[in-house]
């Protein structure tokens, strides 16, 4: 019997470095864009932990490509 080769589930929330990697931009650019209207809102989940919703970031990225 072959082992079930399933991909690991994608995280629902992304840290700034993960957002940067997903969008192909630098870490500092994530923080600059986070202050602009239209970019998906960040959520603070701890004193030094900020995350973005993965689906919102992907939807935003896809919308930019279509413009």
N, C-alpha and C. Protein backbone atom coordinates (compact mmCIF):
# COMPACT_ATOMS: atom_id res chain seq x y z
N UNK A 1 0.84 -1.18 0.00
CA UNK A 1 0.00 0.00 0.00
C UNK A 1 0.89 1.24 0.00
N UNK A 2 0.59 2.18 -0.89
CA UNK A 2 1.39 3.40 -0.99
C UNK A 2 0.98 4.39 0.09
N UNK A 3 1.96 5.12 0.64
CA UNK A 3 1.61 6.14 1.62
C UNK A 3 0.84 7.28 0.94
N UNK A 4 -0.06 7.87 1.69
CA UNK A 4 -0.88 8.97 1.20
C UNK A 4 -0.01 10.23 1.16
N UNK A 5 0.25 10.74 -0.04
CA UNK A 5 1.09 11.92 -0.19
C UNK A 5 0.22 13.16 -0.28
N UNK A 6 -0.14 13.68 0.85
CA UNK A 6 -0.92 14.91 0.88
C UNK A 6 0.01 16.06 1.23
N UNK A 7 -0.28 17.21 0.64
CA UNK A 7 0.49 18.40 0.97
C UNK A 7 0.12 18.87 2.37
N UNK A 8 1.08 19.46 3.02
CA UNK A 8 0.81 20.02 4.35
C UNK A 8 -0.18 21.17 4.19
N UNK A 9 -1.11 21.30 5.11
CA UNK A 9 -2.08 22.41 5.01
C UNK A 9 -1.37 23.75 5.11
N UNK A 10 -1.87 24.70 4.34
CA UNK A 10 -1.30 26.04 4.36
C UNK A 10 -1.78 26.78 5.60
N UNK A 11 -0.91 27.57 6.21
CA UNK A 11 -1.35 28.33 7.39
C UNK A 11 -2.39 29.36 7.01
N UNK A 12 -3.33 29.60 7.90
CA UNK A 12 -4.38 30.59 7.67
C UNK A 12 -3.83 32.00 7.86
N UNK A 13 -2.90 32.16 8.77
CA UNK A 13 -2.31 33.46 9.05
C UNK A 13 -0.84 33.46 8.64
N UNK A 14 -0.39 34.62 8.15
CA UNK A 14 0.99 34.77 7.71
C UNK A 14 1.68 35.87 8.50
N UNK A 15 2.90 35.62 8.89
CA UNK A 15 3.74 36.67 9.50
C UNK A 15 4.29 37.53 8.37
N UNK A 16 4.90 38.66 8.74
CA UNK A 16 5.38 39.62 7.75
C UNK A 16 6.38 38.98 6.77
N UNK A 17 7.29 38.16 7.26
CA UNK A 17 8.25 37.50 6.37
C UNK A 17 7.56 36.59 5.37
N UNK A 18 6.52 35.91 5.81
CA UNK A 18 5.78 35.03 4.92
C UNK A 18 5.01 35.82 3.87
N UNK A 19 4.47 36.97 4.26
CA UNK A 19 3.78 37.85 3.31
C UNK A 19 4.79 38.33 2.26
N UNK A 20 5.96 38.74 2.72
CA UNK A 20 7.01 39.21 1.81
C UNK A 20 7.38 38.12 0.80
N UNK A 21 7.55 36.90 1.28
CA UNK A 21 7.91 35.78 0.40
C UNK A 21 6.79 35.49 -0.59
N UNK A 22 5.56 35.51 -0.13
CA UNK A 22 4.41 35.23 -0.99
C UNK A 22 4.28 36.26 -2.11
N UNK A 23 4.56 37.52 -1.78
CA UNK A 23 4.41 38.60 -2.75
C UNK A 23 5.69 38.89 -3.52
N UNK A 24 6.81 38.30 -3.11
CA UNK A 24 8.08 38.54 -3.79
C UNK A 24 8.62 39.93 -3.55
N UNK A 25 8.44 40.43 -2.32
CA UNK A 25 8.89 41.78 -1.97
C UNK A 25 9.75 41.70 -0.72
N UNK A 26 10.37 42.81 -0.36
CA UNK A 26 11.18 42.86 0.84
C UNK A 26 10.32 43.04 2.09
N UNK A 27 10.90 42.68 3.20
CA UNK A 27 10.19 42.78 4.48
C UNK A 27 9.77 44.22 4.78
N UNK A 28 10.65 45.17 4.54
CA UNK A 28 10.30 46.56 4.83
C UNK A 28 9.16 47.05 3.94
N UNK A 29 9.07 46.52 2.72
CA UNK A 29 7.98 46.89 1.82
C UNK A 29 6.64 46.42 2.36
N UNK A 30 6.61 45.27 3.02
CA UNK A 30 5.37 44.80 3.63
C UNK A 30 4.86 45.85 4.61
N UNK A 31 5.74 46.38 5.45
CA UNK A 31 5.32 47.36 6.46
C UNK A 31 4.91 48.68 5.83
N UNK A 32 5.56 49.08 4.75
CA UNK A 32 5.15 50.31 4.04
C UNK A 32 3.77 50.11 3.43
N UNK A 33 3.57 48.99 2.75
CA UNK A 33 2.28 48.71 2.12
C UNK A 33 1.18 48.54 3.15
N UNK A 34 1.52 48.03 4.32
CA UNK A 34 0.51 47.79 5.37
C UNK A 34 -0.14 49.10 5.81
N UNK A 35 0.57 50.21 5.63
CA UNK A 35 0.03 51.52 6.01
C UNK A 35 -0.84 52.14 4.92
N UNK A 36 -0.83 51.54 3.74
CA UNK A 36 -1.60 52.09 2.62
C UNK A 36 -3.02 51.56 2.62
N UNK A 37 -3.97 52.40 2.19
CA UNK A 37 -5.35 51.92 2.05
C UNK A 37 -5.41 50.85 0.95
N UNK A 38 -6.24 49.87 1.17
CA UNK A 38 -6.43 48.83 0.17
C UNK A 38 -5.64 47.57 0.45
N UNK A 39 -4.52 47.69 1.16
CA UNK A 39 -3.75 46.49 1.49
C UNK A 39 -4.50 45.75 2.60
N UNK A 40 -4.48 44.43 2.59
CA UNK A 40 -5.22 43.68 3.62
C UNK A 40 -4.81 44.12 5.03
N UNK A 41 -5.76 44.22 5.92
CA UNK A 41 -5.45 44.67 7.28
C UNK A 41 -4.65 43.63 8.06
N UNK A 42 -3.70 44.13 8.83
CA UNK A 42 -2.93 43.26 9.72
C UNK A 42 -3.67 43.12 11.04
N UNK A 43 -3.41 42.04 11.72
CA UNK A 43 -4.02 41.80 13.03
C UNK A 43 -2.93 41.54 14.05
N UNK A 44 -2.97 42.25 15.16
CA UNK A 44 -2.02 42.01 16.24
C UNK A 44 -2.57 40.87 17.09
N UNK A 45 -1.78 39.81 17.23
CA UNK A 45 -2.22 38.69 18.06
C UNK A 45 -1.36 38.56 19.30
N UNK A 46 -0.44 39.47 19.47
CA UNK A 46 0.43 39.50 20.64
C UNK A 46 1.20 40.80 20.64
N UNK A 47 1.94 41.07 21.70
CA UNK A 47 2.66 42.34 21.78
C UNK A 47 3.63 42.57 20.62
N UNK A 48 4.23 41.52 20.13
CA UNK A 48 5.19 41.67 19.03
C UNK A 48 4.87 40.72 17.87
N UNK A 49 3.61 40.35 17.74
CA UNK A 49 3.21 39.42 16.69
C UNK A 49 2.06 40.03 15.88
N UNK A 50 2.34 40.24 14.60
CA UNK A 50 1.35 40.77 13.68
C UNK A 50 1.18 39.76 12.56
N UNK A 51 -0.05 39.49 12.16
CA UNK A 51 -0.31 38.53 11.10
C UNK A 51 -1.32 39.09 10.10
N UNK A 52 -1.30 38.51 8.92
CA UNK A 52 -2.26 38.82 7.88
C UNK A 52 -2.99 37.54 7.52
N UNK A 53 -4.23 37.67 7.11
CA UNK A 53 -5.01 36.51 6.64
C UNK A 53 -4.47 36.12 5.27
N UNK A 54 -4.08 34.87 5.13
CA UNK A 54 -3.48 34.37 3.89
C UNK A 54 -4.41 34.56 2.70
N UNK A 55 -5.67 34.23 2.86
CA UNK A 55 -6.62 34.34 1.75
C UNK A 55 -6.81 35.80 1.31
N UNK A 56 -6.80 36.73 2.27
CA UNK A 56 -6.94 38.14 1.94
C UNK A 56 -5.73 38.64 1.16
N UNK A 57 -4.54 38.21 1.56
CA UNK A 57 -3.32 38.63 0.87
C UNK A 57 -3.31 38.08 -0.56
N UNK A 58 -3.69 36.83 -0.73
CA UNK A 58 -3.74 36.23 -2.06
C UNK A 58 -4.78 36.93 -2.93
N UNK A 59 -5.94 37.22 -2.38
CA UNK A 59 -6.98 37.92 -3.13
C UNK A 59 -6.50 39.31 -3.54
N UNK A 60 -5.81 40.00 -2.64
CA UNK A 60 -5.27 41.33 -2.95
C UNK A 60 -4.25 41.23 -4.07
N UNK A 61 -3.34 40.24 -3.96
CA UNK A 61 -2.31 40.04 -4.99
C UNK A 61 -2.95 39.78 -6.35
N UNK A 62 -3.94 38.91 -6.39
CA UNK A 62 -4.60 38.58 -7.64
C UNK A 62 -5.32 39.78 -8.23
N UNK A 63 -5.89 40.61 -7.39
CA UNK A 63 -6.58 41.82 -7.86
C UNK A 63 -5.58 42.81 -8.48
N UNK A 64 -4.36 42.86 -7.94
CA UNK A 64 -3.34 43.77 -8.47
C UNK A 64 -2.91 43.34 -9.86
N UNK A 65 -2.84 42.05 -10.08
CA UNK A 65 -2.41 41.51 -11.37
C UNK A 65 -3.43 41.86 -12.45
N UNK A 66 -4.71 41.86 -12.09
CA UNK A 66 -5.78 42.11 -13.05
C UNK A 66 -5.95 43.59 -13.38
N UNK A 67 -5.34 44.47 -12.63
CA UNK A 67 -5.50 45.91 -12.89
C UNK A 67 -4.58 46.37 -13.99
